[in-house]
Protein backbone atom coordinates (compact mmCIF):
# COMPACT_ATOMS: atom_id res chain seq x y z
CA MET A 1 -64.07 126.37 -33.44
CA GLU A 2 -64.33 122.61 -33.89
CA THR A 3 -65.04 120.58 -30.76
CA TYR A 4 -61.78 118.63 -30.85
CA ASP A 5 -59.78 121.82 -31.35
CA ALA A 6 -61.58 123.42 -28.40
CA ILE A 7 -60.77 120.45 -26.20
CA MET A 8 -57.12 120.39 -27.22
CA SER A 9 -56.55 124.16 -26.96
CA ARG A 10 -58.61 125.05 -23.86
CA ARG A 11 -56.60 126.15 -20.85
CA SER A 12 -57.29 127.57 -17.44
CA VAL A 13 -56.82 131.32 -17.20
CA PRO A 14 -56.19 132.36 -13.58
CA LYS A 15 -56.77 136.10 -14.09
CA THR A 16 -58.84 137.84 -16.74
CA ALA A 17 -59.25 141.32 -18.15
CA GLU A 18 -61.85 143.61 -16.55
CA ARG A 19 -64.31 143.38 -19.47
CA VAL A 20 -67.57 141.91 -18.16
CA PRO A 21 -69.34 139.27 -20.25
CA ASP A 22 -72.96 140.21 -20.88
CA ARG A 23 -75.90 138.33 -19.44
CA GLN A 24 -76.77 136.74 -22.81
CA THR A 25 -73.27 135.26 -23.06
CA ILE A 26 -73.45 133.81 -19.55
CA THR A 27 -76.90 132.38 -20.36
CA LYS A 28 -75.38 130.59 -23.36
CA LEU A 29 -72.76 129.04 -21.09
CA ILE A 30 -75.44 127.82 -18.69
CA ALA A 31 -77.45 126.47 -21.64
CA ALA A 32 -74.34 124.48 -22.63
CA ALA A 33 -74.01 123.21 -19.07
CA VAL A 34 -77.52 121.81 -18.90
CA ARG A 35 -76.89 119.83 -22.11
CA ALA A 36 -74.50 117.60 -20.15
CA PRO A 37 -75.49 113.96 -19.90
CA THR A 38 -77.53 113.19 -16.82
CA HIS A 39 -78.78 109.67 -16.16
CA HIS A 40 -82.56 109.60 -15.77
CA ILE A 41 -82.48 113.32 -16.65
CA THR A 42 -82.16 114.27 -13.00
CA GLN A 43 -80.41 117.55 -13.85
CA PRO A 44 -78.64 117.75 -10.48
CA TRP A 45 -77.59 121.38 -10.84
CA ARG A 46 -78.45 124.98 -10.32
CA PHE A 47 -76.36 128.06 -10.96
CA ILE A 48 -75.63 131.33 -9.19
CA VAL A 49 -74.04 134.10 -11.26
CA LEU A 50 -72.02 136.65 -9.31
CA ALA A 51 -70.71 139.97 -10.62
CA GLY A 52 -70.00 143.44 -9.25
CA ASP A 53 -70.56 143.85 -5.52
CA SER A 54 -71.64 140.21 -5.24
CA LEU A 55 -68.03 139.19 -5.83
CA LYS A 56 -66.92 141.41 -2.95
CA GLU A 57 -69.59 139.81 -0.76
CA LEU A 58 -68.34 136.34 -1.74
CA GLY A 59 -64.79 137.41 -0.85
CA GLU A 60 -66.01 138.73 2.50
CA ALA A 61 -67.84 135.49 3.31
CA TRP A 62 -64.74 133.52 2.31
CA ALA A 63 -62.43 135.64 4.48
CA THR A 64 -64.83 135.59 7.44
CA GLY A 65 -64.90 131.79 7.34
CA VAL A 66 -61.14 131.54 7.15
CA GLU A 67 -60.72 134.05 10.00
CA ARG A 68 -63.12 131.98 12.12
CA LEU A 69 -60.71 129.07 11.65
CA GLY A 70 -57.88 131.25 12.98
CA LYS A 71 -56.05 131.39 9.66
CA ARG A 72 -54.54 134.33 7.81
CA THR A 73 -56.61 136.04 5.15
CA ASP A 74 -53.93 138.10 3.38
CA GLY A 75 -55.22 138.80 -0.14
CA LEU A 76 -58.11 136.38 0.25
CA ARG A 77 -60.90 138.88 -0.38
CA GLU A 78 -59.26 139.84 -3.68
CA LYS A 79 -59.26 136.22 -4.90
CA ALA A 80 -63.00 136.50 -5.52
CA LEU A 81 -62.22 139.40 -7.89
CA ARG A 82 -59.88 137.54 -10.27
CA ALA A 83 -62.56 137.63 -12.97
CA PRO A 84 -65.55 139.92 -13.55
CA VAL A 85 -68.01 137.01 -13.28
CA VAL A 86 -68.05 133.92 -11.08
CA LEU A 87 -70.50 131.22 -12.06
CA CYS A 88 -71.22 129.06 -9.02
CA VAL A 89 -72.24 125.53 -9.89
CA ILE A 90 -74.39 124.00 -7.18
CA GLU A 91 -75.03 120.27 -7.15
CA THR A 92 -78.37 119.02 -5.93
CA PRO A 93 -77.98 115.23 -6.04
CA LYS A 94 -81.18 113.28 -6.61
CA ALA A 95 -79.85 109.97 -5.19
CA HIS A 96 -83.05 109.62 -3.14
CA LEU A 97 -84.99 108.90 -6.34
CA PRO A 98 -85.48 105.31 -7.55
CA LYS A 99 -82.73 104.02 -9.90
CA VAL A 100 -80.54 107.11 -9.37
CA VAL A 101 -76.93 106.31 -8.49
CA GLU A 102 -75.26 109.16 -6.59
CA ILE A 103 -71.89 108.94 -8.35
CA GLU A 104 -73.65 109.50 -11.69
CA GLU A 105 -74.92 112.80 -10.31
CA HIS A 106 -71.31 113.84 -9.64
CA TYR A 107 -70.28 112.82 -13.16
CA ALA A 108 -73.13 114.89 -14.61
CA ILE A 109 -71.95 117.94 -12.69
CA GLY A 110 -68.39 117.44 -13.93
CA ALA A 111 -69.66 117.20 -17.49
CA ALA A 112 -71.74 120.35 -17.03
CA MET A 113 -68.71 122.29 -15.77
CA GLN A 114 -66.58 121.00 -18.66
CA ASN A 115 -69.30 122.14 -21.08
CA ILE A 116 -69.11 125.63 -19.56
CA LEU A 117 -65.33 125.72 -19.92
CA LEU A 118 -65.37 124.49 -23.52
CA ALA A 119 -68.21 126.80 -24.54
CA ALA A 120 -66.45 129.77 -22.96
CA HIS A 121 -63.22 128.91 -24.77
CA SER A 122 -65.00 128.52 -28.10
CA MET A 123 -66.54 131.98 -27.58
CA GLY A 124 -63.12 133.59 -27.04
CA MET A 125 -63.48 133.88 -23.29
CA ALA A 126 -61.03 133.14 -20.50
CA ALA A 127 -62.17 130.78 -17.75
CA MET A 128 -60.92 128.76 -14.83
CA LEU A 129 -62.61 126.22 -12.59
CA ARG A 130 -61.80 126.52 -8.90
CA THR A 131 -62.87 124.39 -5.99
CA GLY A 132 -60.84 123.70 -2.87
CA ALA A 133 -61.72 124.30 0.77
CA THR A 134 -63.79 127.37 -0.12
CA VAL A 135 -66.70 125.19 -1.24
CA SER A 136 -67.12 123.85 2.31
CA ILE A 137 -66.80 127.08 4.28
CA PRO A 138 -70.13 127.58 6.13
CA GLU A 139 -70.07 131.36 5.57
CA VAL A 140 -69.66 130.87 1.80
CA ARG A 141 -72.42 128.24 1.71
CA GLU A 142 -74.71 130.54 3.70
CA TYR A 143 -73.95 133.52 1.42
CA LEU A 144 -74.85 131.40 -1.60
CA GLY A 145 -77.96 129.95 0.03
CA VAL A 146 -76.74 126.38 -0.32
CA THR A 147 -78.83 123.86 1.60
CA ASP A 148 -77.52 120.87 3.59
CA ALA A 149 -78.66 118.64 0.71
CA GLU A 150 -76.51 120.54 -1.82
CA LEU A 151 -72.83 120.78 -2.68
CA VAL A 152 -70.89 123.70 -4.09
CA ALA A 153 -69.40 121.81 -7.03
CA GLY A 154 -67.19 124.64 -8.21
CA PHE A 155 -66.65 128.26 -9.08
CA VAL A 156 -66.08 129.02 -12.76
CA TYR A 157 -64.24 132.33 -13.07
CA LEU A 158 -65.25 133.97 -16.36
CA GLY A 159 -64.05 136.94 -18.35
CA TYR A 160 -61.93 137.69 -21.37
CA PRO A 161 -58.20 137.20 -21.87
CA GLN A 162 -55.94 140.05 -20.86
CA GLU A 163 -54.36 141.99 -23.72
CA GLY A 164 -51.20 140.27 -24.91
CA ALA A 165 -51.76 137.18 -22.76
CA ASP A 166 -50.14 133.97 -23.92
CA GLU A 167 -52.95 131.92 -25.43
CA ARG A 168 -51.03 128.70 -25.92
CA PRO A 169 -52.33 125.85 -23.80
CA ARG A 170 -50.01 124.81 -21.02
CA SER A 171 -49.21 121.16 -21.38
CA ARG A 172 -48.09 119.34 -18.29
CA ARG A 173 -50.20 116.39 -19.26
CA THR A 174 -48.92 112.87 -19.56
CA ASP A 175 -49.08 111.66 -23.16
CA CYS A 176 -52.27 109.62 -23.62
CA ASN A 177 -50.26 106.67 -24.98
CA GLU A 178 -48.56 106.29 -21.61
CA LEU A 179 -51.96 106.00 -19.94
CA THR A 180 -53.63 103.61 -22.37
CA GLU A 181 -53.68 99.83 -22.50
CA TRP A 182 -54.99 98.27 -25.70
CA ARG A 183 -56.57 94.82 -25.51
CA GLY A 184 -57.85 92.75 -28.42
CA TRP A 185 -56.22 95.00 -30.99
CA ASN A 186 -53.78 93.63 -33.58
């Protein structure tokens, strides 16, 4: 698949088939992630790959944290099971180093996650990036072993499309021409 075609046809897939991607495939996705641009080559990332019982444990940590806040957890544990693999992207900003600007660390992480999504799509996989309040829940952070100096940047749910799933990209995007101002062009 050509890069432009992958960008234009990629879509988020909220629920995948049960088929589990193999370790070599996930390694390729992580290899694509670490090719993201990173100013001063700080590489502000690490990855945690969850599958099998680890997904149940993530769901349990998530639900425990939400229960502690006095909120309902109906169906919450199952949300961690929406795909057979969850790739946790952990940001370890290196803003304490000379010349490193913290916001560039965040951009690098975003680029790394986009590389994962595009690589997965080009390999025929289904994927979806999720963040939200879950990334800040102390029980989830503790389960993942995230330090105070780190951020949970996102959870990339990975699998394969369900049989007969609509593969057309959903397009609720504003046309790029409505968002672009041209200056100095004739």
